[in-house]
Amino acid sequence: MEAKLFRFLKIVGVGFKARAESEVRLLYLKLGCSHEVELVASPVIRVFCLKNNVVCCTGIDKDMVHQFAAAVRSCKPPEVNQGKGIMYKICLNDQKDIQDIH
């Protein structure tokens, strides 16, 4: 399979980690719950971790790659005020500006 499309996800937060098993196409997410969240990728998609907080979804079908990336992101949506959660790597500067009230 020749990968045409890549989607990078960054996991931000204390203790939030990810690990992937490429043989079985499983992605395990540790997101502060008592158990790990387990996601199964379709045969069209390849999932691997560059670091324990960077996940890469790749494949040739654009819709399937974006759908799987959205499913991963929905496990822990990004919080605008605190900057925690799973966010796409290209939009890391979407954190809300905090204004001082005098």
PDB file of N, CA and C in Angstrom:
ATOM      1  N   MET A   1       0.843  -1.180   0.000  1.00  0.00           N
ATOM      2  CA  MET A   1       0.000   0.000   0.000  1.00  0.00           C
ATOM      3  C   MET A   1       0.885   1.238   0.000  1.00  0.00           C
ATOM      4  N   GLU A   2       0.657   2.114  -0.934  1.00  0.00           N
ATOM      5  CA  GLU A   2       1.410   3.353  -1.007  1.00  0.00           C
ATOM      6  C   GLU A   2       0.585   4.454  -0.351  1.00  0.00           C
ATOM      7  N   ALA A   3       1.137   5.060   0.679  1.00  0.00           N
ATOM      8  CA  ALA A   3       0.408   6.077   1.425  1.00  0.00           C
ATOM      9  C   ALA A   3       0.409   7.393   0.661  1.00  0.00           C
ATOM     10  N   LYS A   4      -0.760   7.945   0.470  1.00  0.00           N
ATOM     11  CA  LYS A   4      -0.892   9.218  -0.221  1.00  0.00           C
ATOM     12  C   LYS A   4      -1.266  10.345   0.725  1.00  0.00           C
ATOM     13  N   LEU A   5      -1.907  10.017   1.842  1.00  0.00           N
ATOM     14  CA  LEU A   5      -2.418  11.040   2.731  1.00  0.00           C
ATOM     15  C   LEU A   5      -1.976  10.739   4.154  1.00  0.00           C
ATOM     16  N   PHE A   6      -1.476  11.750   4.839  1.00  0.00           N
ATOM     17  CA  PHE A   6      -1.054  11.614   6.223  1.00  0.00           C
ATOM     18  C   PHE A   6      -1.874  12.572   7.074  1.00  0.00           C
ATOM     19  N   ARG A   7      -2.204  12.132   8.284  1.00  0.00           N
ATOM     20  CA  ARG A   7      -2.903  12.979   9.245  1.00  0.00           C
ATOM     21  C   ARG A   7      -2.222  12.771  10.587  1.00  0.00           C
ATOM     22  N   PHE A   8      -1.637  13.830  11.131  1.00  0.00           N
ATOM     23  CA  PHE A   8      -0.917  13.747  12.392  1.00  0.00           C
ATOM     24  C   PHE A   8      -1.786  14.295  13.512  1.00  0.00           C
ATOM     25  N   LEU A   9      -1.775  13.590  14.643  1.00  0.00           N
ATOM     26  CA  LEU A   9      -2.509  14.007  15.830  1.00  0.00           C
ATOM     27  C   LEU A   9      -1.532  14.122  16.991  1.00  0.00           C
ATOM     28  N   LYS A  10      -1.642  15.191  17.749  1.00  0.00           N
ATOM     29  CA  LYS A  10      -0.775  15.387  18.907  1.00  0.00           C
ATOM     30  C   LYS A  10      -1.614  15.268  20.161  1.00  0.00           C
ATOM     31  N   ILE A  11      -1.116  14.501  21.123  1.00  0.00           N
ATOM     32  CA  ILE A  11      -1.808  14.289  22.382  1.00  0.00           C
ATOM     33  C   ILE A  11      -1.115  15.145  23.434  1.00  0.00           C
ATOM     34  N   VAL A  12      -1.864  16.075  24.025  1.00  0.00           N
ATOM     35  CA  VAL A  12      -1.303  17.002  25.001  1.00  0.00           C
ATOM     36  C   VAL A  12      -2.002  16.779  26.331  1.00  0.00           C
ATOM     37  N   GLY A  13      -1.226  16.579  27.376  1.00  0.00           N
ATOM     38  CA  GLY A  13      -1.766  16.404  28.712  1.00  0.00           C
ATOM     39  C   GLY A  13      -0.846  15.535  29.539  1.00  0.00           C
ATOM     40  N   VAL A  14      -0.921  15.701  30.840  1.00  0.00           N
ATOM     41  CA  VAL A  14      -0.066  14.938  31.740  1.00  0.00           C
ATOM     42  C   VAL A  14      -0.552  13.494  31.787  1.00  0.00           C
ATOM     43  N   GLY A  15       0.306  12.567  31.425  1.00  0.00           N
ATOM     44  CA  GLY A  15      -0.027  11.152  31.470  1.00  0.00           C
ATOM     45  C   GLY A  15      -0.781  10.640  30.258  1.00  0.00           C
ATOM     46  N   PHE A  16      -1.062  11.480  29.276  1.00  0.00           N
ATOM     47  CA  PHE A  16      -1.762  11.041  28.073  1.00  0.00           C
ATOM     48  C   PHE A  16      -0.743  10.430  27.123  1.00  0.00           C
ATOM     49  N   LYS A  17      -0.970   9.187  26.725  1.00  0.00           N
ATOM     50  CA  LYS A  17      -0.026   8.472  25.858  1.00  0.00           C
ATOM     51  C   LYS A  17      -0.781   7.645  24.833  1.00  0.00           C
ATOM     52  N   ALA A  18      -0.053   7.246  23.794  1.00  0.00           N
ATOM     53  CA  ALA A  18      -0.625   6.386  22.757  1.00  0.00           C
ATOM     54  C   ALA A  18       0.404   5.344  22.367  1.00  0.00           C
ATOM     55  N   ARG A  19      -0.087   4.171  21.985  1.00  0.00           N
ATOM     56  CA  ARG A  19       0.784   3.137  21.426  1.00  0.00           C
ATOM     57  C   ARG A  19      -0.017   2.388  20.377  1.00  0.00           C
ATOM     58  N   ALA A  20       0.698   1.951  19.351  1.00  0.00           N
ATOM     59  CA  ALA A  20       0.033   1.295  18.226  1.00  0.00           C
ATOM     60  C   ALA A  20       0.653  -0.067  17.982  1.00  0.00           C
ATOM     61  N   GLU A  21      -0.189  -1.015  17.607  1.00  0.00           N
ATOM     62  CA  GLU A  21       0.266  -2.336  17.178  1.00  0.00           C
ATOM     63  C   GLU A  21      -0.117  -2.471  15.711  1.00  0.00           C
ATOM     64  N   SER A  22       0.883  -2.419  14.854  1.00  0.00           N
ATOM     65  CA  SER A  22       0.608  -2.355  13.415  1.00  0.00           C
ATOM     66  C   SER A  22       0.137  -3.686  12.836  1.00  0.00           C
ATOM     67  N   GLU A  23       0.510  -4.814  13.451  1.00  0.00           N
ATOM     68  CA  GLU A  23       0.104  -6.112  12.900  1.00  0.00           C
ATOM     69  C   GLU A  23      -1.407  -6.293  12.983  1.00  0.00           C
ATOM     70  N   VAL A  24      -2.002  -5.860  14.088  1.00  0.00           N
ATOM     71  CA  VAL A  24      -3.430  -6.055  14.299  1.00  0.00           C
ATOM     72  C   VAL A  24      -4.223  -4.781  14.034  1.00  0.00           C
ATOM     73  N   ARG A  25      -3.548  -3.707  13.656  1.00  0.00           N
ATOM     74  CA  ARG A  25      -4.155  -2.411  13.365  1.00  0.00           C
ATOM     75  C   ARG A  25      -4.930  -1.874  14.558  1.00  0.00           C
ATOM     76  N   LEU A  26      -4.295  -1.894  15.724  1.00  0.00           N
ATOM     77  CA  LEU A  26      -4.914  -1.388  16.948  1.00  0.00           C
ATOM     78  C   LEU A  26      -4.183  -0.147  17.424  1.00  0.00           C
ATOM     79  N   LEU A  27      -4.931   0.780  17.990  1.00  0.00           N
ATOM     80  CA  LEU A  27      -4.373   1.966  18.610  1.00  0.00           C
ATOM     81  C   LEU A  27      -4.891   2.022  20.033  1.00  0.00           C
ATOM     82  N   TYR A  28      -3.974   2.059  20.989  1.00  0.00           N
ATOM     83  CA  TYR A  28      -4.329   2.142  22.399  1.00  0.00           C
ATOM     84  C   TYR A  28      -4.041   3.551  22.887  1.00  0.00           C
ATOM     85  N   LEU A  29      -5.032   4.171  23.530  1.00  0.00           N
ATOM     86  CA  LEU A  29      -4.885   5.522  24.050  1.00  0.00           C
ATOM     87  C   LEU A  29      -5.061   5.504  25.558  1.00  0.00           C
ATOM     88  N   LYS A  30      -4.129   6.121  26.257  1.00  0.00           N
ATOM     89  CA  LYS A  30      -4.226   6.272  27.704  1.00  0.00           C
ATOM     90  C   LYS A  30      -4.534   7.741  27.957  1.00  0.00           C
ATOM     91  N   LEU A  31      -5.787   8.023  28.341  1.00  0.00           N
ATOM     92  CA  LEU A  31      -6.261   9.402  28.398  1.00  0.00           C
ATOM     93  C   LEU A  31      -6.750   9.813  29.780  1.00  0.00           C
ATOM     94  N   GLY A  32      -6.181   9.262  30.816  1.00  0.00           N
ATOM     95  CA  GLY A  32      -6.554   9.660  32.159  1.00  0.00           C
ATOM     96  C   GLY A  32      -7.720   8.887  32.736  1.00  0.00           C
ATOM     97  N   CYS A  33      -8.238   7.910  32.036  1.00  0.00           N
ATOM     98  CA  CYS A  33      -9.314   7.064  32.550  1.00  0.00           C
ATOM     99  C   CYS A  33      -8.697   5.858  33.255  1.00  0.00           C
ATOM    100  N   SER A  34      -9.523   5.035  33.839  1.00  0.00           N
ATOM    101  CA  SER A  34      -9.016   3.861  34.531  1.00  0.00           C
ATOM    102  C   SER A  34      -8.605   2.757  33.563  1.00  0.00           C
ATOM    103  N   HIS A  35      -9.020   2.861  32.320  1.00  0.00           N
ATOM    104  CA  HIS A  35      -8.700   1.842  31.324  1.00  0.00           C
ATOM    105  C   HIS A  35      -8.179   2.516  30.058  1.00  0.00           C
ATOM    106  N   GLU A  36      -7.545   1.731  29.201  1.00  0.00           N
ATOM    107  CA  GLU A  36      -7.068   2.246  27.924  1.00  0.00           C
ATOM    108  C   GLU A  36      -8.198   2.203  26.894  1.00  0.00           C
ATOM    109  N   VAL A  37      -8.256   3.214  26.059  1.00  0.00           N
ATOM    110  CA  VAL A  37      -9.224   3.246  24.964  1.00  0.00           C
ATOM    111  C   VAL A  37      -8.599   2.519  23.780  1.00  0.00           C
ATOM    112  N   GLU A  38      -9.332   1.572  23.220  1.00  0.00           N
ATOM    113  CA  GLU A  38      -8.816   0.748  22.123  1.00  0.00           C
ATOM    114  C   GLU A  38      -9.597   1.063  20.851  1.00  0.00           C
ATOM    115  N   LEU A  39      -8.875   1.455  19.803  1.00  0.00           N
ATOM    116  CA  LEU A  39      -9.499   1.754  18.516  1.00  0.00           C
ATOM    117  C   LEU A  39      -8.936   0.823  17.454  1.00  0.00           C
ATOM    118  N   VAL A  40      -9.811   0.287  16.614  1.00  0.00           N
ATOM    119  CA  VAL A  40      -9.403  -0.618  15.541  1.00  0.00           C
ATOM    120  C   VAL A  40      -9.480   0.138  14.219  1.00  0.00           C
ATOM    121  N   ALA A  41      -8.379   0.132  13.481  1.00  0.00           N
ATOM    122  CA  ALA A  41      -8.333   0.805  12.179  1.00  0.00           C
ATOM    123  C   ALA A  41      -8.792  -0.157  11.091  1.00  0.00           C
ATOM    124  N   SER A  42      -9.371   0.387  10.056  1.00  0.00           N
ATOM    125  CA  SER A  42      -9.804  -0.442   8.933  1.00  0.00           C
ATOM    126  C   SER A  42      -8.583  -0.893   8.127  1.00  0.00           C
ATOM    127  N   PRO A  43      -8.728  -1.899   7.278  1.00  0.00           N
ATOM    128  CA  PRO A  43      -7.578  -2.395   6.502  1.00  0.00           C
ATOM    129  C   PRO A  43      -6.990  -1.372   5.532  1.00  0.00           C
ATOM    130  N   VAL A  44      -7.728  -0.325   5.223  1.00  0.00           N
ATOM    131  CA  VAL A  44      -7.243   0.696   4.299  1.00  0.00           C
ATOM    132  C   VAL A  44      -6.270   1.659   4.989  1.00  0.00           C
ATOM    133  N   ILE A  45      -6.339   1.728   6.320  1.00  0.00           N
ATOM    134  CA  ILE A  45      -5.585   2.722   7.086  1.00  0.00           C
ATOM    135  C   ILE A  45      -4.435   2.064   7.836  1.00  0.00           C
ATOM    136  N   ARG A  46      -3.289   2.742   7.849  1.00  0.00           N
ATOM    137  CA  ARG A  46      -2.151   2.345   8.678  1.00  0.00           C
ATOM    138  C   ARG A  46      -2.001   3.356   9.794  1.00  0.00           C
ATOM    139  N   VAL A  47      -1.812   2.885  11.018  1.00  0.00           N
ATOM    140  CA  VAL A  47      -1.660   3.762  12.173  1.00  0.00           C
ATOM    141  C   VAL A  47      -0.348   3.426  12.856  1.00  0.00           C
ATOM    142  N   PHE A  48       0.429   4.461  13.177  1.00  0.00           N
ATOM    143  CA  PHE A  48       1.652   4.251  13.942  1.00  0.00           C
ATOM    144  C   PHE A  48       1.937   5.485  14.772  1.00  0.00           C
ATOM    145  N   CYS A  49       2.767   5.307  15.795  1.00  0.00           N
ATOM    146  CA  CYS A  49       3.118   6.391  16.706  1.00  0.00           C
ATOM    147  C   CYS A  49       4.555   6.814  16.449  1.00  0.00           C
ATOM    148  N   LEU A  50       4.752   8.108  16.211  1.00  0.00           N
ATOM    149  CA  LEU A  50       6.103   8.625  16.054  1.00  0.00           C
ATOM    150  C   LEU A  50       6.771   8.778  17.417  1.00  0.00           C
ATOM    151  N   LYS A  51       6.029   9.296  18.377  1.00  0.00           N
ATOM    152  CA  LYS A  51       6.437   9.361  19.779  1.00  0.00           C
ATOM    153  C   LYS A  51       5.258   8.814  20.567  1.00  0.00           C
ATOM    154  N   ASN A  52       5.349   8.854  21.884  1.00  0.00           N
ATOM    155  CA  ASN A  52       4.203   8.361  22.638  1.00  0.00           C
ATOM    156  C   ASN A  52       3.080   9.398  22.705  1.00  0.00           C
ATOM    157  N   ASN A  53       3.303  10.589  22.131  1.00  0.00           N
ATOM    158  CA  ASN A  53       2.234  11.581  22.099  1.00  0.00           C
ATOM    159  C   ASN A  53       1.930  12.101  20.690  1.00  0.00           C
ATOM    160  N   VAL A  54       2.496  11.470  19.661  1.00  0.00           N
ATOM    161  CA  VAL A  54       2.212  11.850  18.273  1.00  0.00           C
ATOM    162  C   VAL A  54       1.757  10.606  17.515  1.00  0.00           C
ATOM    163  N   VAL A  55       0.541  10.661  16.965  1.00  0.00           N
ATOM    164  CA  VAL A  55      -0.046   9.545  16.230  1.00  0.00           C
ATOM    165  C   VAL A  55      -0.158   9.951  14.764  1.00  0.00           C
ATOM    166  N   CYS A  56       0.194   9.035  13.870  1.00  0.00           N
ATOM    167  CA  CYS A  56       0.093   9.289  12.432  1.00  0.00           C
ATOM    168  C   CYS A  56      -0.888   8.290  11.824  1.00  0.00           C
ATOM    169  N   CYS A  57      -1.891   8.809  11.126  1.00  0.00           N
ATOM    170  CA  CYS A  57      -2.839   7.991  10.376  1.00  0.00           C
ATOM    171  C   CYS A  57      -2.524   8.198   8.904  1.00  0.00           C
ATOM    172  N   THR A  58      -2.367   7.134   8.172  1.00  0.00           N
ATOM    173  CA  THR A  58      -2.004   7.250   6.765  1.00  0.00           C
ATOM    174  C   THR A  58      -2.793   6.248   5.934  1.00  0.00           C
ATOM    175  N   GLY A  59      -2.965   6.573   4.667  1.00  0.00           N
ATOM    176  CA  GLY A  59      -3.690   5.695   3.761  1.00  0.00           C
ATOM    177  C   GLY A  59      -3.903   6.366   2.418  1.00  0.00           C
ATOM    178  N   ILE A  60      -4.630   5.681   1.547  1.00  0.00           N
ATOM    179  CA  ILE A  60      -4.874   6.238   0.222  1.00  0.00           C
ATOM    180  C   ILE A  60      -6.290   6.788   0.078  1.00  0.00           C
ATOM    181  N   ASP A  61      -7.182   6.423   0.968  1.00  0.00           N
ATOM    182  CA  ASP A  61      -8.555   6.917   0.921  1.00  0.00           C
ATOM    183  C   ASP A  61      -8.695   8.101   1.879  1.00  0.00           C
ATOM    184  N   LYS A  62      -8.945   9.275   1.326  1.00  0.00           N
ATOM    185  CA  LYS A  62      -8.992  10.504   2.117  1.00  0.00           C
ATOM    186  C   LYS A  62     -10.101  10.466   3.162  1.00  0.00           C
ATOM    187  N   ASP A  63     -11.276  10.013   2.781  1.00  0.00           N
ATOM    188  CA  ASP A  63     -12.406  10.002   3.700  1.00  0.00           C
ATOM    189  C   ASP A  63     -12.178   9.061   4.874  1.00  0.00           C
ATOM    190  N   MET A  64     -11.626   7.897   4.615  1.00  0.00           N
ATOM    191  CA  MET A  64     -11.383   6.927   5.686  1.00  0.00           C
ATOM    192  C   MET A  64     -10.320   7.426   6.663  1.00  0.00           C
ATOM    193  N   VAL A  65      -9.262   8.054   6.141  1.00  0.00           N
ATOM    194  CA  VAL A  65      -8.202   8.576   7.008  1.00  0.00           C
ATOM    195  C   VAL A  65      -8.744   9.692   7.887  1.00  0.00           C
ATOM    196  N   HIS A  66      -9.514  10.607   7.300  1.00  0.00           N
ATOM    197  CA  HIS A  66     -10.081  11.705   8.076  1.00  0.00           C
ATOM    198  C   HIS A  66     -11.117  11.205   9.079  1.00  0.00           C
ATOM    199  N   GLN A  67     -11.876  10.181   8.717  1.00  0.00           N
ATOM    200  CA  GLN A  67     -12.873   9.637   9.631  1.00  0.00           C
ATOM    201  C   GLN A  67     -12.206   8.973  10.831  1.00  0.00           C
ATOM    202  N   PHE A  68     -11.120   8.216  10.589  1.00  0.00           N
ATOM    203  CA  PHE A  68     -10.431   7.580  11.706  1.00  0.00           C
ATOM    204  C   PHE A  68      -9.754   8.628  12.587  1.00  0.00           C
ATOM    205  N   ALA A  69      -9.159   9.651  11.980  1.00  0.00           N
ATOM    206  CA  ALA A  69      -8.530  10.716  12.766  1.00  0.00           C
ATOM    207  C   ALA A  69      -9.568  11.451  13.608  1.00  0.00           C
ATOM    208  N   ALA A  70     -10.755  11.651  13.077  1.00  0.00           N
ATOM    209  CA  ALA A  70     -11.825  12.295  13.837  1.00  0.00           C
ATOM    210  C   ALA A  70     -12.308  11.401  14.972  1.00  0.00           C
ATOM    211  N   ALA A  71     -12.317  10.082  14.756  1.00  0.00           N
ATOM    212  CA  ALA A  71     -12.709   9.157  15.820  1.00  0.00           C
ATOM    213  C   ALA A  71     -11.688   9.172  16.952  1.00  0.00           C
ATOM    214  N   VAL A  72     -10.407   9.263  16.600  1.00  0.00           N
ATOM    215  CA  VAL A  72      -9.361   9.348  17.626  1.00  0.00           C
ATOM    216  C   VAL A  72      -9.498  10.658  18.383  1.00  0.00           C
ATOM    217  N   ARG A  73      -9.722  11.735  17.659  1.00  0.00           N
ATOM    218  CA  ARG A  73      -9.821  13.052  18.284  1.00  0.00           C
ATOM    219  C   ARG A  73     -11.047  13.152  19.188  1.00  0.00           C
ATOM    220  N   SER A  74     -12.134  12.460  18.854  1.00  0.00           N
ATOM    221  CA  SER A  74     -13.351  12.540  19.657  1.00  0.00           C
ATOM    222  C   SER A  74     -13.225  11.822  20.998  1.00  0.00           C
ATOM    223  N   CYS A  75     -12.192  11.006  21.173  1.00  0.00           N
ATOM    224  CA  CYS A  75     -11.988  10.346  22.464  1.00  0.00           C
ATOM    225  C   CYS A  75     -11.638  11.346  23.556  1.00  0.00           C
ATOM    226  N   LYS A  76     -10.914  12.394  23.202  1.00  0.00           N
ATOM    227  CA  LYS A  76     -10.558  13.457  24.146  1.00  0.00           C
ATOM    228  C   LYS A  76     -10.445  14.758  23.354  1.00  0.00           C
ATOM    229  N   PRO A  77     -11.566  15.454  23.113  1.00  0.00           N
ATOM    230  CA  PRO A  77     -11.521  16.674  22.301  1.00  0.00           C
ATOM    231  C   PRO A  77     -10.650  17.740  22.956  1.00  0.00           C
ATOM    232  N   PRO A  78     -10.036  18.608  22.161  1.00  0.00           N
ATOM    233  CA  PRO A  78      -9.160  19.628  22.736  1.00  0.00           C
ATOM    234  C   PRO A  78      -9.947  20.660  23.539  1.00  0.00           C
ATOM    235  N   GLU A  79      -9.380  21.032  24.678  1.00  0.00           N
ATOM    236  CA  GLU A  79      -9.968  22.081  25.501  1.00  0.00           C
ATOM    237  C   GLU A  79      -9.283  23.390  25.138  1.00  0.00           C
ATOM    238  N   VAL A  80     -10.064  24.383  24.813  1.00  0.00           N
ATOM    239  CA  VAL A  80      -9.507  25.633  24.317  1.00  0.00           C
ATOM    240  C   VAL A  80      -8.782  26.391  25.426  1.00  0.00           C
ATOM    241  N   ASN A  81      -9.332  26.392  26.622  1.00  0.00           N
ATOM    242  CA  ASN A  81      -8.746  27.187  27.696  1.00  0.00           C
ATOM    243  C   ASN A  81      -7.493  26.549  28.278  1.00  0.00           C
ATOM    244  N   GLN A  82      -7.488  25.244  28.474  1.00  0.00           N
ATOM    245  CA  GLN A  82      -6.358  24.584  29.123  1.00  0.00           C
ATOM    246  C   GLN A  82      -5.322  24.071  28.137  1.00  0.00           C
ATOM    247  N   GLY A  83      -5.700  23.842  26.897  1.00  0.00           N
ATOM    248  CA  GLY A  83      -4.752  23.357  25.901  1.00  0.00           C
ATOM    249  C   GLY A  83      -4.485  21.871  25.978  1.00  0.00           C
ATOM    250  N   LYS A  84      -5.365  21.107  26.628  1.00  0.00           N
ATOM    251  CA  LYS A  84      -5.203  19.659  26.741  1.00  0.00           C
ATOM    252  C   LYS A  84      -6.104  18.957  25.743  1.00  0.00           C
ATOM    253  N   GLY A  85      -5.776  17.699  25.477  1.00  0.00           N
ATOM    254  CA  GLY A  85      -6.616  16.893  24.607  1.00  0.00           C
ATOM    255  C   GLY A  85      -5.868  16.418  23.380  1.00  0.00           C
ATOM    256  N   ILE A  86      -6.614  15.876  22.420  1.00  0.00           N
ATOM    257  CA  ILE A  86      -6.036  15.394  21.165  1.00  0.00           C
ATOM    258  C   ILE A  86      -6.384  16.410  20.086  1.00  0.00           C
ATOM    259  N   MET A  87      -5.362  16.935  19.435  1.00  0.00           N
ATOM    260  CA  MET A  87      -5.582  17.936  18.398  1.00  0.00           C
ATOM    261  C   MET A  87      -4.775  17.604  17.160  1.00  0.00           C
ATOM    262  N   TYR A  88      -5.240  18.100  16.041  1.00  0.00           N
ATOM    263  CA  TYR A  88      -4.494  17.919  14.808  1.00  0.00           C
ATOM    264  C   TYR A  88      -3.191  18.704  14.908  1.00  0.00           C
ATOM    265  N   LYS A  89      -2.143  18.161  14.344  1.00  0.00           N
ATOM    266  CA  LYS A  89      -0.826  18.766  14.484  1.00  0.00           C
ATOM    267  C   LYS A  89      -0.730  20.116  13.785  1.00  0.00           C
ATOM    268  N   ILE A  90      -1.522  20.362  12.759  1.00  0.00           N
ATOM    269  CA  ILE A  90      -1.406  21.616  12.020  1.00  0.00           C
ATOM    270  C   ILE A  90      -2.082  22.778  12.727  1.00  0.00           C
ATOM    271  N   CYS A  91      -3.002  22.524  13.646  1.00  0.00           N
ATOM    272  CA  CYS A  91      -3.743  23.619  14.280  1.00  0.00           C
ATOM    273  C   CYS A  91      -3.461  23.661  15.775  1.00  0.00           C
ATOM    274  N   LEU A  92      -2.191  23.698  16.148  1.00  0.00           N
ATOM    275  CA  LEU A  92      -1.847  23.711  17.563  1.00  0.00           C
ATOM    276  C   LEU A  92      -1.957  25.100  18.184  1.00  0.00           C
ATOM    277  N   ASN A  93      -2.089  26.149  17.376  1.00  0.00           N
ATOM    278  CA  ASN A  93      -2.148  27.502  17.910  1.00  0.00           C
ATOM    279  C   ASN A  93      -3.580  27.996  18.073  1.00  0.00           C
ATOM    280  N   ASP A  94      -4.529  27.096  18.244  1.00  0.00           N
ATOM    281  CA  ASP A  94      -5.930  27.476  18.411  1.00  0.00           C
ATOM    282  C   ASP A  94      -6.304  27.716  19.867  1.00  0.00           C
ATOM    283  N   GLN A  95      -5.315  27.833  20.731  1.00  0.00           N
ATOM    284  CA  GLN A  95      -5.602  28.019  22.145  1.00  0.00           C
ATOM    285  C   GLN A  95      -6.159  29.423  22.356  1.00  0.00           C
ATOM    286  N   LYS A  96      -7.167  29.520  23.172  1.00  0.00           N
ATOM    287  CA  LYS A  96      -7.849  30.781  23.403  1.00  0.00           C
ATOM    288  C   LYS A  96      -6.935  31.746  24.158  1.00  0.00           C
ATOM    289  N   ASP A  97      -6.943  33.000  23.747  1.00  0.00           N
ATOM    290  CA  ASP A  97      -6.168  34.011  24.454  1.00  0.00           C
ATOM    291  C   ASP A  97      -6.866  34.347  25.762  1.00  0.00           C
ATOM    292  N   ILE A  98      -6.091  34.329  26.841  1.00  0.00           N
ATOM    293  CA  ILE A  98      -6.638  34.629  28.162  1.00  0.00           C
ATOM    294  C   ILE A  98      -6.358  36.097  28.457  1.00  0.00           C
ATOM    295  N   GLN A  99      -7.404  36.855  28.754  1.00  0.00           N
ATOM    296  CA  GLN A  99      -7.253  38.282  29.014  1.00  0.00           C
ATOM    297  C   GLN A  99      -7.314  38.528  30.513  1.00  0.00           C
ATOM    298  N   ASP A 100      -6.475  39.440  30.962  1.00  0.00           N
ATOM    299  CA  ASP A 100      -6.485  39.815  32.374  1.00  0.00           C
ATOM    300  C   ASP A 100      -7.612  40.807  32.621  1.00  0.00           C
ATOM    301  N   ILE A 101      -8.349  40.577  33.664  1.00  0.00           N
ATOM    302  CA  ILE A 101      -9.433  41.479  34.047  1.00  0.00           C
ATOM    303  C   ILE A 101      -8.948  42.293  35.231  1.00  0.00           C
ATOM    304  N   HIS A 102      -8.947  43.621  35.077  1.00  0.00           N
ATOM    305  CA  HIS A 102      -8.467  44.507  36.150  1.00  0.00           C
ATOM    306  C   HIS A 102      -9.610  45.147  36.851  1.00  0.00           C
TER     307      HIS A 102
END
